[in-house]
Full PDB file with SEQRES, HELIX, SHEET, SSBOND, CRYST1, ORIGX, SCALE, CONECT and MASTER records, all heavy atoms in Angstrom:
SEQRES   1 A   43  VAL LYS MET ALA PHE ASP ARG ASP GLY GLU LYS THR ASP          
SEQRES   2 A   43  ILE SER VAL ASN ALA TYR GLU ASP ILE ASN ILE ILE THR          
SEQRES   3 A   43  GLY ALA LEU LYS LEU TYR LEU ARG ASP LEU PRO VAL PRO          
SEQRES   4 A   43  VAL ILE SER TYR                                              
HELIX    1 AA1 LYS A    2  ASP A    8  1                                   7    
HELIX    2 AA2 GLY A    9  LYS A   11  5                                   3    
HELIX    3 AA3 ILE A   22  ASP A   35  1                                  14    
CRYST1    1.000    1.000    1.000  90.00  90.00  90.00 P 1           1          
ORIGX1      1.000000  0.000000  0.000000        0.00000                         
ORIGX2      0.000000  1.000000  0.000000        0.00000                         
ORIGX3      0.000000  0.000000  1.000000        0.00000                         
SCALE1      1.000000  0.000000  0.000000        0.00000                         
SCALE2      0.000000  1.000000  0.000000        0.00000                         
SCALE3      0.000000  0.000000  1.000000        0.00000                         
ATOM      1  N   VAL A   1     -45.056 165.586 -85.589  1.00  0.00           N  
ATOM      2  CA  VAL A   1     -44.563 166.248 -84.381  1.00  0.00           C  
ATOM      3  C   VAL A   1     -44.153 167.686 -84.722  1.00  0.00           C  
ATOM      4  O   VAL A   1     -44.496 168.630 -84.011  1.00  0.00           O  
ATOM      5  CB  VAL A   1     -43.365 165.488 -83.754  1.00  0.00           C  
ATOM      6  CG1 VAL A   1     -42.807 166.257 -82.557  1.00  0.00           C  
ATOM      7  CG2 VAL A   1     -43.783 164.080 -83.338  1.00  0.00           C  
ATOM      8  N   LYS A   2     -43.458 167.835 -85.839  1.00  0.00           N  
ATOM      9  CA  LYS A   2     -43.036 169.174 -86.280  1.00  0.00           C  
ATOM     10  C   LYS A   2     -44.257 170.087 -86.452  1.00  0.00           C  
ATOM     11  O   LYS A   2     -44.285 171.218 -85.959  1.00  0.00           O  
ATOM     12  CB  LYS A   2     -42.266 169.047 -87.597  1.00  0.00           C  
ATOM     13  CG  LYS A   2     -41.978 170.368 -88.285  1.00  0.00           C  
ATOM     14  CD  LYS A   2     -41.275 170.150 -89.619  1.00  0.00           C  
ATOM     15  CE  LYS A   2     -41.197 171.444 -90.411  1.00  0.00           C  
ATOM     16  NZ  LYS A   2     -40.275 171.344 -91.551  1.00  0.00           N  
ATOM     17  N   MET A   3     -45.279 169.594 -87.135  1.00  0.00           N  
ATOM     18  CA  MET A   3     -46.479 170.399 -87.366  1.00  0.00           C  
ATOM     19  C   MET A   3     -47.182 170.726 -86.051  1.00  0.00           C  
ATOM     20  O   MET A   3     -47.693 171.829 -85.868  1.00  0.00           O  
ATOM     21  CB  MET A   3     -47.427 169.691 -88.347  1.00  0.00           C  
ATOM     22  CG  MET A   3     -46.926 169.850 -89.761  1.00  0.00           C  
ATOM     23  SD  MET A   3     -47.773 168.943 -91.082  1.00  0.00           S  
ATOM     24  CE  MET A   3     -49.062 168.035 -90.354  1.00  0.00           C  
ATOM     25  N   ALA A   4     -47.172 169.762 -85.132  1.00  0.00           N  
ATOM     26  CA  ALA A   4     -47.799 169.987 -83.829  1.00  0.00           C  
ATOM     27  C   ALA A   4     -47.065 171.092 -83.056  1.00  0.00           C  
ATOM     28  O   ALA A   4     -47.700 171.972 -82.474  1.00  0.00           O  
ATOM     29  CB  ALA A   4     -47.820 168.690 -83.025  1.00  0.00           C  
ATOM     30  N   PHE A   5     -45.736 171.060 -83.066  1.00  0.00           N  
ATOM     31  CA  PHE A   5     -44.962 172.106 -82.382  1.00  0.00           C  
ATOM     32  C   PHE A   5     -45.220 173.474 -83.018  1.00  0.00           C  
ATOM     33  O   PHE A   5     -45.363 174.475 -82.320  1.00  0.00           O  
ATOM     34  CB  PHE A   5     -43.460 171.797 -82.400  1.00  0.00           C  
ATOM     35  CG  PHE A   5     -42.998 170.973 -81.230  1.00  0.00           C  
ATOM     36  CD1 PHE A   5     -42.425 169.715 -81.429  1.00  0.00           C  
ATOM     37  CD2 PHE A   5     -43.106 171.451 -79.930  1.00  0.00           C  
ATOM     38  CE1 PHE A   5     -41.986 168.949 -80.342  1.00  0.00           C  
ATOM     39  CE2 PHE A   5     -42.665 170.702 -78.841  1.00  0.00           C  
ATOM     40  CZ  PHE A   5     -42.110 169.442 -79.058  1.00  0.00           C  
ATOM     41  N   ASP A   6     -45.277 173.506 -84.357  1.00  0.00           N  
ATOM     42  CA  ASP A   6     -45.545 174.773 -85.041  1.00  0.00           C  
ATOM     43  C   ASP A   6     -46.929 175.305 -84.685  1.00  0.00           C  
ATOM     44  O   ASP A   6     -47.148 176.511 -84.614  1.00  0.00           O  
ATOM     45  CB  ASP A   6     -45.422 174.599 -86.563  1.00  0.00           C  
ATOM     46  CG  ASP A   6     -43.964 174.625 -87.039  1.00  0.00           C  
ATOM     47  OD1 ASP A   6     -43.104 175.073 -86.261  1.00  0.00           O  
ATOM     48  OD2 ASP A   6     -43.697 174.208 -88.175  1.00  0.00           O  
ATOM     49  N   ARG A   7     -47.866 174.393 -84.469  1.00  0.00           N  
ATOM     50  CA  ARG A   7     -49.256 174.786 -84.218  1.00  0.00           C  
ATOM     51  C   ARG A   7     -49.521 175.038 -82.725  1.00  0.00           C  
ATOM     52  O   ARG A   7     -50.137 176.026 -82.345  1.00  0.00           O  
ATOM     53  CB  ARG A   7     -50.176 173.675 -84.737  1.00  0.00           C  
ATOM     54  CG  ARG A   7     -51.673 174.018 -84.781  1.00  0.00           C  
ATOM     55  CD  ARG A   7     -52.484 172.807 -85.233  1.00  0.00           C  
ATOM     56  NE  ARG A   7     -52.295 171.662 -84.338  1.00  0.00           N  
ATOM     57  CZ  ARG A   7     -51.864 170.446 -84.751  1.00  0.00           C  
ATOM     58  NH1 ARG A   7     -51.577 170.229 -86.022  1.00  0.00           N  
ATOM     59  NH2 ARG A   7     -51.716 169.473 -83.879  1.00  0.00           N  
ATOM     60  N   ASP A   8     -49.057 174.124 -81.873  1.00  0.00           N  
ATOM     61  CA  ASP A   8     -49.450 174.136 -80.462  1.00  0.00           C  
ATOM     62  C   ASP A   8     -48.342 174.566 -79.499  1.00  0.00           C  
ATOM     63  O   ASP A   8     -48.588 174.681 -78.302  1.00  0.00           O  
ATOM     64  CB  ASP A   8     -49.946 172.741 -80.040  1.00  0.00           C  
ATOM     65  CG  ASP A   8     -51.065 172.237 -80.945  1.00  0.00           C  
ATOM     66  OD1 ASP A   8     -51.847 173.074 -81.430  1.00  0.00           O  
ATOM     67  OD2 ASP A   8     -51.146 171.012 -81.176  1.00  0.00           O  
ATOM     68  N   GLY A   9     -47.122 174.726 -80.006  1.00  0.00           N  
ATOM     69  CA  GLY A   9     -46.026 175.150 -79.132  1.00  0.00           C  
ATOM     70  C   GLY A   9     -45.846 174.225 -77.946  1.00  0.00           C  
ATOM     71  O   GLY A   9     -45.853 173.001 -78.099  1.00  0.00           O  
ATOM     72  N   GLU A  10     -45.735 174.817 -76.749  1.00  0.00           N  
ATOM     73  CA  GLU A  10     -45.441 173.983 -75.570  1.00  0.00           C  
ATOM     74  C   GLU A  10     -46.620 173.121 -75.122  1.00  0.00           C  
ATOM     75  O   GLU A  10     -46.470 172.303 -74.219  1.00  0.00           O  
ATOM     76  CB  GLU A  10     -44.907 174.819 -74.403  1.00  0.00           C  
ATOM     77  CG  GLU A  10     -45.787 175.930 -73.926  1.00  0.00           C  
ATOM     78  CD  GLU A  10     -45.527 177.234 -74.662  1.00  0.00           C  
ATOM     79  OE1 GLU A  10     -44.863 177.220 -75.714  1.00  0.00           O  
ATOM     80  OE2 GLU A  10     -46.000 178.278 -74.174  1.00  0.00           O  
ATOM     81  N   LYS A  11     -47.786 173.287 -75.768  1.00  0.00           N  
ATOM     82  CA  LYS A  11     -48.925 172.415 -75.427  1.00  0.00           C  
ATOM     83  C   LYS A  11     -48.871 171.095 -76.206  1.00  0.00           C  
ATOM     84  O   LYS A  11     -49.732 170.228 -76.037  1.00  0.00           O  
ATOM     85  CB  LYS A  11     -50.240 173.128 -75.714  1.00  0.00           C  
ATOM     86  CG  LYS A  11     -50.470 174.363 -74.849  1.00  0.00           C  
ATOM     87  CD  LYS A  11     -51.897 174.883 -75.025  1.00  0.00           C  
ATOM     88  CE  LYS A  11     -52.035 176.318 -74.558  1.00  0.00           C  
ATOM     89  NZ  LYS A  11     -51.286 177.270 -75.409  1.00  0.00           N  
ATOM     90  N   THR A  12     -47.872 170.949 -77.078  1.00  0.00           N  
ATOM     91  CA  THR A  12     -47.756 169.748 -77.908  1.00  0.00           C  
ATOM     92  C   THR A  12     -47.646 168.488 -77.048  1.00  0.00           C  
ATOM     93  O   THR A  12     -46.877 168.456 -76.081  1.00  0.00           O  
ATOM     94  CB  THR A  12     -46.507 169.860 -78.816  1.00  0.00           C  
ATOM     95  OG1 THR A  12     -46.619 171.091 -79.545  1.00  0.00           O  
ATOM     96  CG2 THR A  12     -46.420 168.711 -79.802  1.00  0.00           C  
ATOM     97  N   ASP A  13     -48.406 167.481 -77.416  1.00  0.00           N  
ATOM     98  CA  ASP A  13     -48.364 166.202 -76.690  1.00  0.00           C  
ATOM     99  C   ASP A  13     -47.382 165.261 -77.380  1.00  0.00           C  
ATOM    100  O   ASP A  13     -47.625 164.800 -78.496  1.00  0.00           O  
ATOM    101  CB  ASP A  13     -49.772 165.569 -76.674  1.00  0.00           C  
ATOM    102  CG  ASP A  13     -49.799 164.241 -75.915  1.00  0.00           C  
ATOM    103  OD1 ASP A  13     -48.776 163.888 -75.278  1.00  0.00           O  
ATOM    104  OD2 ASP A  13     -50.834 163.553 -75.972  1.00  0.00           O  
ATOM    105  N   ILE A  14     -46.242 165.011 -76.730  1.00  0.00           N  
ATOM    106  CA  ILE A  14     -45.278 164.054 -77.302  1.00  0.00           C  
ATOM    107  C   ILE A  14     -45.115 162.866 -76.357  1.00  0.00           C  
ATOM    108  O   ILE A  14     -44.116 162.150 -76.390  1.00  0.00           O  
ATOM    109  CB  ILE A  14     -43.904 164.715 -77.608  1.00  0.00           C  
ATOM    110  CG1 ILE A  14     -43.338 165.441 -76.377  1.00  0.00           C  
ATOM    111  CG2 ILE A  14     -44.003 165.657 -78.798  1.00  0.00           C  
ATOM    112  CD1 ILE A  14     -41.893 165.893 -76.528  1.00  0.00           C  
ATOM    113  N   SER A  15     -46.141 162.659 -75.514  1.00  0.00           N  
ATOM    114  CA  SER A  15     -46.085 161.569 -74.542  1.00  0.00           C  
ATOM    115  C   SER A  15     -46.196 160.214 -75.241  1.00  0.00           C  
ATOM    116  O   SER A  15     -46.491 160.138 -76.436  1.00  0.00           O  
ATOM    117  CB  SER A  15     -47.228 161.710 -73.543  1.00  0.00           C  
ATOM    118  OG  SER A  15     -48.453 161.426 -74.208  1.00  0.00           O  
ATOM    119  N   VAL A  16     -46.003 159.162 -74.457  1.00  0.00           N  
ATOM    120  CA  VAL A  16     -46.087 157.798 -74.987  1.00  0.00           C  
ATOM    121  C   VAL A  16     -47.487 157.515 -75.572  1.00  0.00           C  
ATOM    122  O   VAL A  16     -47.634 156.736 -76.508  1.00  0.00           O  
ATOM    123  CB  VAL A  16     -45.681 156.766 -73.892  1.00  0.00           C  
ATOM    124  CG1 VAL A  16     -46.720 156.706 -72.774  1.00  0.00           C  
ATOM    125  CG2 VAL A  16     -45.426 155.390 -74.502  1.00  0.00           C  
ATOM    126  N   ASN A  17     -48.497 158.187 -75.056  1.00  0.00           N  
ATOM    127  CA  ASN A  17     -49.856 157.995 -75.591  1.00  0.00           C  
ATOM    128  C   ASN A  17     -49.968 158.521 -77.021  1.00  0.00           C  
ATOM    129  O   ASN A  17     -50.697 157.970 -77.840  1.00  0.00           O  
ATOM    130  CB  ASN A  17     -50.900 158.739 -74.749  1.00  0.00           C  
ATOM    131  CG  ASN A  17     -50.711 158.490 -73.264  1.00  0.00           C  
ATOM    132  OD1 ASN A  17     -50.198 157.439 -72.873  1.00  0.00           O  
ATOM    133  ND2 ASN A  17     -51.078 159.455 -72.438  1.00  0.00           N  
ATOM    134  N   ALA A  18     -49.242 159.615 -77.286  1.00  0.00           N  
ATOM    135  CA  ALA A  18     -49.295 160.222 -78.618  1.00  0.00           C  
ATOM    136  C   ALA A  18     -48.341 159.528 -79.585  1.00  0.00           C  
ATOM    137  O   ALA A  18     -48.693 159.260 -80.730  1.00  0.00           O  
ATOM    138  CB  ALA A  18     -48.983 161.706 -78.524  1.00  0.00           C  
ATOM    139  N   TYR A  19     -47.145 159.249 -79.124  1.00  0.00           N  
ATOM    140  CA  TYR A  19     -46.106 158.626 -79.974  1.00  0.00           C  
ATOM    141  C   TYR A  19     -45.397 157.555 -79.167  1.00  0.00           C  
ATOM    142  O   TYR A  19     -44.527 157.858 -78.358  1.00  0.00           O  
ATOM    143  CB  TYR A  19     -45.097 159.675 -80.452  1.00  0.00           C  
ATOM    144  CG  TYR A  19     -45.741 160.803 -81.225  1.00  0.00           C  
ATOM    145  CD1 TYR A  19     -46.037 162.015 -80.601  1.00  0.00           C  
ATOM    146  CD2 TYR A  19     -46.081 160.653 -82.575  1.00  0.00           C  
ATOM    147  CE1 TYR A  19     -46.646 163.047 -81.296  1.00  0.00           C  
ATOM    148  CE2 TYR A  19     -46.691 161.681 -83.279  1.00  0.00           C  
ATOM    149  CZ  TYR A  19     -46.973 162.876 -82.639  1.00  0.00           C  
ATOM    150  OH  TYR A  19     -47.582 163.886 -83.327  1.00  0.00           O  
ATOM    151  N   GLU A  20     -45.772 156.341 -79.408  1.00  0.00           N  
ATOM    152  CA  GLU A  20     -45.226 155.240 -78.614  1.00  0.00           C  
ATOM    153  C   GLU A  20     -43.743 155.016 -78.901  1.00  0.00           C  
ATOM    154  O   GLU A  20     -42.963 154.697 -78.006  1.00  0.00           O  
ATOM    155  CB  GLU A  20     -46.016 153.961 -78.935  1.00  0.00           C  
ATOM    156  CG  GLU A  20     -45.887 152.909 -77.852  1.00  0.00           C  
ATOM    157  CD  GLU A  20     -46.694 151.655 -78.180  1.00  0.00           C  
ATOM    158  OE1 GLU A  20     -47.690 151.761 -78.936  1.00  0.00           O  
ATOM    159  OE2 GLU A  20     -46.305 150.582 -77.698  1.00  0.00           O  
ATOM    160  N   ASP A  21     -43.358 155.206 -80.169  1.00  0.00           N  
ATOM    161  CA  ASP A  21     -41.983 154.945 -80.586  1.00  0.00           C  
ATOM    162  C   ASP A  21     -41.093 156.141 -80.232  1.00  0.00           C  
ATOM    163  O   ASP A  21     -41.260 157.226 -80.787  1.00  0.00           O  
ATOM    164  CB  ASP A  21     -41.966 154.682 -82.101  1.00  0.00           C  
ATOM    165  CG  ASP A  21     -40.566 154.424 -82.635  1.00  0.00           C  
ATOM    166  OD1 ASP A  21     -39.616 154.311 -81.827  1.00  0.00           O  
ATOM    167  OD2 ASP A  21     -40.412 154.330 -83.873  1.00  0.00           O  
ATOM    168  N   ILE A  22     -40.127 155.940 -79.344  1.00  0.00           N  
ATOM    169  CA  ILE A  22     -39.256 157.035 -78.898  1.00  0.00           C  
ATOM    170  C   ILE A  22     -38.424 157.588 -80.060  1.00  0.00           C  
ATOM    171  O   ILE A  22     -38.003 158.742 -80.043  1.00  0.00           O  
ATOM    172  CB  ILE A  22     -38.346 156.587 -77.720  1.00  0.00           C  
ATOM    173  CG1 ILE A  22     -37.776 157.813 -76.969  1.00  0.00           C  
ATOM    174  CG2 ILE A  22     -37.206 155.679 -78.184  1.00  0.00           C  
ATOM    175  CD1 ILE A  22     -38.804 158.682 -76.293  1.00  0.00           C  
ATOM    176  N   ASN A  23     -38.202 156.759 -81.102  1.00  0.00           N  
ATOM    177  CA  ASN A  23     -37.397 157.224 -82.242  1.00  0.00           C  
ATOM    178  C   ASN A  23     -38.096 158.349 -83.013  1.00  0.00           C  
ATOM    179  O   ASN A  23     -37.459 159.075 -83.776  1.00  0.00           O  
ATOM    180  CB  ASN A  23     -37.064 156.064 -83.171  1.00  0.00           C  
ATOM    181  CG  ASN A  23     -36.278 154.977 -82.446  1.00  0.00           C  
ATOM    182  OD1 ASN A  23     -35.335 155.267 -81.710  1.00  0.00           O  
ATOM    183  ND2 ASN A  23     -36.675 153.731 -82.610  1.00  0.00           N  
ATOM    184  N   ILE A  24     -39.397 158.486 -82.829  1.00  0.00           N  
ATOM    185  CA  ILE A  24     -40.118 159.609 -83.448  1.00  0.00           C  
ATOM    186  C   ILE A  24     -39.716 160.903 -82.748  1.00  0.00           C  
ATOM    187  O   ILE A  24     -39.523 161.945 -83.380  1.00  0.00           O  
ATOM    188  CB  ILE A  24     -41.647 159.384 -83.388  1.00  0.00           C  
ATOM    189  CG1 ILE A  24     -42.018 158.194 -84.271  1.00  0.00           C  
ATOM    190  CG2 ILE A  24     -42.418 160.641 -83.803  1.00  0.00           C  
ATOM    191  CD1 ILE A  24     -43.411 157.639 -84.006  1.00  0.00           C  
ATOM    192  N   ILE A  25     -39.565 160.821 -81.424  1.00  0.00           N  
ATOM    193  CA  ILE A  25     -39.196 162.016 -80.651  1.00  0.00           C  
ATOM    194  C   ILE A  25     -37.735 162.399 -80.927  1.00  0.00           C  
ATOM    195  O   ILE A  25     -37.424 163.581 -81.100  1.00  0.00           O  
ATOM    196  CB  ILE A  25     -39.439 161.808 -79.132  1.00  0.00           C  
ATOM    197  CG1 ILE A  25     -40.852 161.250 -78.867  1.00  0.00           C  
ATOM    198  CG2 ILE A  25     -39.197 163.098 -78.361  1.00  0.00           C  
ATOM    199  CD1 ILE A  25     -41.997 162.072 -79.429  1.00  0.00           C  
ATOM    200  N   THR A  26     -36.843 161.408 -80.998  1.00  0.00           N  
ATOM    201  CA  THR A  26     -35.438 161.733 -81.326  1.00  0.00           C  
ATOM    202  C   THR A  26     -35.379 162.293 -82.748  1.00  0.00           C  
ATOM    203  O   THR A  26     -34.611 163.221 -83.030  1.00  0.00           O  
ATOM    204  CB  THR A  26     -34.501 160.506 -81.222  1.00  0.00           C  
ATOM    205  OG1 THR A  26     -34.942 159.485 -82.124  1.00  0.00           O  
ATOM    206  CG2 THR A  26     -34.444 159.954 -79.809  1.00  0.00           C  
ATOM    207  N   GLY A  27     -36.215 161.767 -83.630  1.00  0.00           N  
ATOM    208  CA  GLY A  27     -36.258 162.253 -85.020  1.00  0.00           C  
ATOM    209  C   GLY A  27     -36.726 163.697 -85.084  1.00  0.00           C  
ATOM    210  O   GLY A  27     -36.191 164.509 -85.846  1.00  0.00           O  
ATOM    211  N   ALA A  28     -37.731 164.020 -84.265  1.00  0.00           N  
ATOM    212  CA  ALA A  28     -38.266 165.388 -84.247  1.00  0.00           C  
ATOM    213  C   ALA A  28     -37.221 166.372 -83.714  1.00  0.00           C  
ATOM    214  O   ALA A  28     -37.103 167.500 -84.206  1.00  0.00           O  
ATOM    215  CB  ALA A  28     -39.521 165.445 -83.392  1.00  0.00           C  
ATOM    216  N   LEU A  29     -36.451 165.938 -82.714  1.00  0.00           N  
ATOM    217  CA  LEU A  29     -35.394 166.793 -82.170  1.00  0.00           C  
ATOM    218  C   LEU A  29     -34.287 167.009 -83.196  1.00  0.00           C  
ATOM    219  O   LEU A  29     -33.837 168.140 -83.415  1.00  0.00           O  
ATOM    220  CB  LEU A  29     -34.823 166.179 -80.884  1.00  0.00           C  
ATOM    221  CG  LEU A  29     -33.656 166.935 -80.236  1.00  0.00           C  
ATOM    222  CD1 LEU A  29     -34.033 168.373 -79.872  1.00  0.00           C  
ATOM    223  CD2 LEU A  29     -33.157 166.201 -78.988  1.00  0.00           C  
ATOM    224  N   LYS A  30     -33.855 165.930 -83.857  1.00  0.00           N  
ATOM    225  CA  LYS A  30     -32.804 166.059 -84.879  1.00  0.00           C  
ATOM    226  C   LYS A  30     -33.265 166.959 -86.023  1.00  0.00           C  
ATOM    227  O   LYS A  30     -32.499 167.787 -86.522  1.00  0.00           O  
ATOM    228  CB  LYS A  30     -32.396 164.682 -85.421  1.00  0.00           C  
ATOM    229  CG  LYS A  30     -31.574 163.853 -84.439  1.00  0.00           C  
ATOM    230  CD  LYS A  30     -31.047 162.567 -85.073  1.00  0.00           C  
ATOM    231  CE  LYS A  30     -32.155 161.597 -85.439  1.00  0.00           C  
ATOM    232  NZ  LYS A  30     -31.629 160.298 -85.919  1.00  0.00           N  
ATOM    233  N   LEU A  31     -34.536 166.798 -86.421  1.00  0.00           N  
ATOM    234  CA  LEU A  31     -35.081 167.618 -87.511  1.00  0.00           C  
ATOM    235  C   LEU A  31     -35.111 169.095 -87.111  1.00  0.00           C  
ATOM    236  O   LEU A  31     -34.758 169.968 -87.901  1.00  0.00           O  
ATOM    237  CB  LEU A  31     -36.495 167.140 -87.880  1.00  0.00           C  
ATOM    238  CG  LEU A  31     -37.181 167.907 -89.017  1.00  0.00           C  
ATOM    239  CD1 LEU A  31     -36.417 167.751 -90.330  1.00  0.00           C  
ATOM    240  CD2 LEU A  31     -38.629 167.424 -89.197  1.00  0.00           C  
ATOM    241  N   TYR A  32     -35.516 169.351 -85.874  1.00  0.00           N  
ATOM    242  CA  TYR A  32     -35.535 170.732 -85.392  1.00  0.00           C  
ATOM    243  C   TYR A  32     -34.136 171.356 -85.519  1.00  0.00           C  
ATOM    244  O   TYR A  32     -33.967 172.467 -86.014  1.00  0.00           O  
ATOM    245  CB  TYR A  32     -36.016 170.809 -83.926  1.00  0.00           C  
ATOM    246  CG  TYR A  32     -35.820 172.192 -83.373  1.00  0.00           C  
ATOM    247  CD1 TYR A  32     -36.678 173.227 -83.753  1.00  0.00           C  
ATOM    248  CD2 TYR A  32     -34.724 172.504 -82.571  1.00  0.00           C  
ATOM    249  CE1 TYR A  32     -36.451 174.532 -83.331  1.00  0.00           C  
ATOM    250  CE2 TYR A  32     -34.498 173.798 -82.145  1.00  0.00           C  
ATOM    251  CZ  TYR A  32     -35.360 174.812 -82.535  1.00  0.00           C  
ATOM    252  OH  TYR A  32     -35.127 176.096 -82.138  1.00  0.00           O  
ATOM    253  N   LEU A  33     -33.128 170.621 -85.066  1.00  0.00           N  
ATOM    254  CA  LEU A  33     -31.752 171.133 -85.078  1.00  0.00           C  
ATOM    255  C   LEU A  33     -31.229 171.310 -86.504  1.00  0.00           C  
ATOM    256  O   LEU A  33     -30.538 172.279 -86.805  1.00  0.00           O  
ATOM    257  CB  LEU A  33     -30.837 170.204 -84.272  1.00  0.00           C  
ATOM    258  CG  LEU A  33     -31.177 170.076 -82.776  1.00  0.00           C  
ATOM    259  CD1 LEU A  33     -30.410 168.924 -82.138  1.00  0.00           C  
ATOM    260  CD2 LEU A  33     -30.907 171.382 -82.023  1.00  0.00           C  
ATOM    261  N   ARG A  34     -31.600 170.370 -87.386  1.00  0.00           N  
ATOM    262  CA  ARG A  34     -31.166 170.472 -88.794  1.00  0.00           C  
ATOM    263  C   ARG A  34     -31.846 171.606 -89.535  1.00  0.00           C  
ATOM    264  O   ARG A  34     -31.283 172.171 -90.463  1.00  0.00           O  
ATOM    265  CB  ARG A  34     -31.474 169.165 -89.539  1.00  0.00           C  
ATOM    266  CG  ARG A  34     -30.434 168.076 -89.359  1.00  0.00           C  
ATOM    267  CD  ARG A  34     -30.537 167.066 -90.488  1.00  0.00           C  
ATOM    268  NE  ARG A  34     -31.872 166.486 -90.593  1.00  0.00           N  
ATOM    269  CZ  ARG A  34     -32.280 165.419 -89.914  1.00  0.00           C  
ATOM    270  NH1 ARG A  34     -31.463 164.814 -89.069  1.00  0.00           N  
ATOM    271  NH2 ARG A  34     -33.497 164.942 -90.081  1.00  0.00           N  
ATOM    272  N   ASP A  35     -33.083 171.925 -89.130  1.00  0.00           N  
ATOM    273  CA  ASP A  35     -33.871 172.962 -89.811  1.00  0.00           C  
ATOM    274  C   ASP A  35     -33.495 174.381 -89.419  1.00  0.00           C  
ATOM    275  O   ASP A  35     -33.989 175.331 -90.016  1.00  0.00           O  
ATOM    276  CB  ASP A  35     -35.365 172.773 -89.496  1.00  0.00           C  
ATOM    277  CG  ASP A  35     -36.057 171.867 -90.511  1.00  0.00           C  
ATOM    278  OD1 ASP A  35     -35.380 171.391 -91.435  1.00  0.00           O  
ATOM    279  OD2 ASP A  35     -37.270 171.646 -90.363  1.00  0.00           O  
ATOM    280  N   LEU A  36     -32.655 174.550 -88.392  1.00  0.00           N  
ATOM    281  CA  LEU A  36     -32.307 175.905 -87.957  1.00  0.00           C  
ATOM    282  C   LEU A  36     -31.625 176.670 -89.091  1.00  0.00           C  
ATOM    283  O   LEU A  36     -30.725 176.130 -89.743  1.00  0.00           O  
ATOM    284  CB  LEU A  36     -31.355 175.857 -86.755  1.00  0.00           C  
ATOM    285  CG  LEU A  36     -31.955 175.428 -85.425  1.00  0.00           C  
ATOM    286  CD1 LEU A  36     -30.844 175.184 -84.406  1.00  0.00           C  
ATOM    287  CD2 LEU A  36     -32.943 176.465 -84.902  1.00  0.00           C  
ATOM    288  N   PRO A  37     -32.025 177.915 -89.337  1.00  0.00           N  
ATOM    289  CA  PRO A  37     -31.368 178.696 -90.394  1.00  0.00           C  
ATOM    290  C   PRO A  37     -29.884 178.905 -90.107  1.00  0.00           C  
ATOM    291  O   PRO A  37     -29.061 178.883 -91.017  1.00  0.00           O  
ATOM    292  CB  PRO A  37     -32.113 180.033 -90.402  1.00  0.00           C  
ATOM    293  CG  PRO A  37     -33.189 179.950 -89.395  1.00  0.00           C  
ATOM    294  CD  PRO A  37     -33.134 178.636 -88.685  1.00  0.00           C  
ATOM    295  N   VAL A  38     -29.552 179.111 -88.843  1.00  0.00           N  
ATOM    296  CA  VAL A  38     -28.144 179.145 -88.420  1.00  0.00           C  
ATOM    297  C   VAL A  38     -27.967 177.963 -87.484  1.00  0.00           C  
ATOM    298  O   VAL A  38     -28.671 177.846 -86.482  1.00  0.00           O  
ATOM    299  CB  VAL A  38     -27.794 180.459 -87.689  1.00  0.00           C  
ATOM    300  CG1 VAL A  38     -26.350 180.423 -87.197  1.00  0.00           C  
ATOM    301  CG2 VAL A  38     -28.024 181.659 -88.604  1.00  0.00           C  
ATOM    302  N   PRO A  39     -27.055 177.032 -87.803  1.00  0.00           N  
ATOM    303  CA  PRO A  39     -26.900 175.825 -86.973  1.00  0.00           C  
ATOM    304  C   PRO A  39     -26.531 176.171 -85.530  1.00  0.00           C  
ATOM    305  O   PRO A  39     -26.088 177.287 -85.257  1.00  0.00           O  
ATOM    306  CB  PRO A  39     -25.746 175.071 -87.655  1.00  0.00           C  
ATOM    307  CG  PRO A  39     -25.558 175.689 -88.987  1.00  0.00           C  
ATOM    308  CD  PRO A  39     -26.083 177.081 -88.912  1.00  0.00           C  
ATOM    309  N   VAL A  40     -26.703 175.193 -84.635  1.00  0.00           N  
ATOM    310  CA  VAL A  40     -26.362 175.416 -83.223  1.00  0.00           C  
ATOM    311  C   VAL A  40     -24.905 175.876 -83.112  1.00  0.00           C  
ATOM    312  O   VAL A  40     -24.588 176.836 -82.418  1.00  0.00           O  
ATOM    313  CB  VAL A  40     -26.610 174.153 -82.370  1.00  0.00           C  
ATOM    314  CG1 VAL A  40     -26.145 174.378 -80.931  1.00  0.00           C  
ATOM    315  CG2 VAL A  40     -28.095 173.783 -82.387  1.00  0.00           C  
ATOM    316  N   ILE A  41     -24.000 175.181 -83.812  1.00  0.00           N  
ATOM    317  CA  ILE A  41     -22.627 175.678 -83.922  1.00  0.00           C  
ATOM    318  C   ILE A  41     -22.633 176.615 -85.116  1.00  0.00           C  
ATOM    319  O   ILE A  41     -22.683 176.183 -86.263  1.00  0.00           O  
ATOM    320  CB  ILE A  41     -21.619 174.521 -84.050  1.00  0.00           C  
ATOM    321  CG1 ILE A  41     -21.551 173.803 -82.682  1.00  0.00           C  
ATOM    322  CG2 ILE A  41     -20.243 175.029 -84.473  1.00  0.00           C  
ATOM    323  CD1 ILE A  41     -20.635 172.619 -82.620  1.00  0.00           C  
ATOM    324  N   SER A  42     -22.674 177.912 -84.828  1.00  0.00           N  
ATOM    325  CA  SER A  42     -22.968 178.923 -85.846  1.00  0.00           C  
ATOM    326  C   SER A  42     -21.872 178.982 -86.915  1.00  0.00           C  
ATOM    327  O   SER A  42     -20.744 178.551 -86.700  1.00  0.00           O  
ATOM    328  CB  SER A  42     -23.116 180.290 -85.185  1.00  0.00           C  
ATOM    329  OG  SER A  42     -21.880 180.664 -84.605  1.00  0.00           O  
ATOM    330  N   TYR A  43     -22.249 179.521 -88.071  1.00  0.00           N  
ATOM    331  CA  TYR A  43     -21.293 179.632 -89.179  1.00  0.00           C  
ATOM    332  C   TYR A  43     -20.058 180.431 -88.771  1.00  0.00           C  
ATOM    333  O   TYR A  43     -18.939 180.091 -89.143  1.00  0.00           O  
ATOM    334  CB  TYR A  43     -21.956 180.293 -90.392  1.00  0.00           C  
ATOM    335  CG  TYR A  43     -23.060 179.464 -91.011  1.00  0.00           C  
ATOM    336  CD1 TYR A  43     -24.352 179.969 -91.133  1.00  0.00           C  
ATOM    337  CD2 TYR A  43     -22.794 178.167 -91.468  1.00  0.00           C  
ATOM    338  CE1 TYR A  43     -25.366 179.199 -91.707  1.00  0.00           C  
ATOM    339  CE2 TYR A  43     -23.801 177.398 -92.037  1.00  0.00           C  
ATOM    340  CZ  TYR A  43     -25.083 177.914 -92.155  1.00  0.00           C  
ATOM    341  OH  TYR A  43     -26.067 177.150 -92.717  1.00  0.00           O  
TER     342      TYR A  43                                                      
MASTER        0    0    0    3    0    0    0    6  341    1    0    4          
END                                                                             
């Protein structure tokens, strides 16, 4: 999912057809937030 977002941006398919397990989508969101150089709650 991460690679797809990096490659396709808002055209990324994260629908049930692409990823049936919703925990993959929650995982991708958590990873996005953890990967930020400055966290959402900034230093």
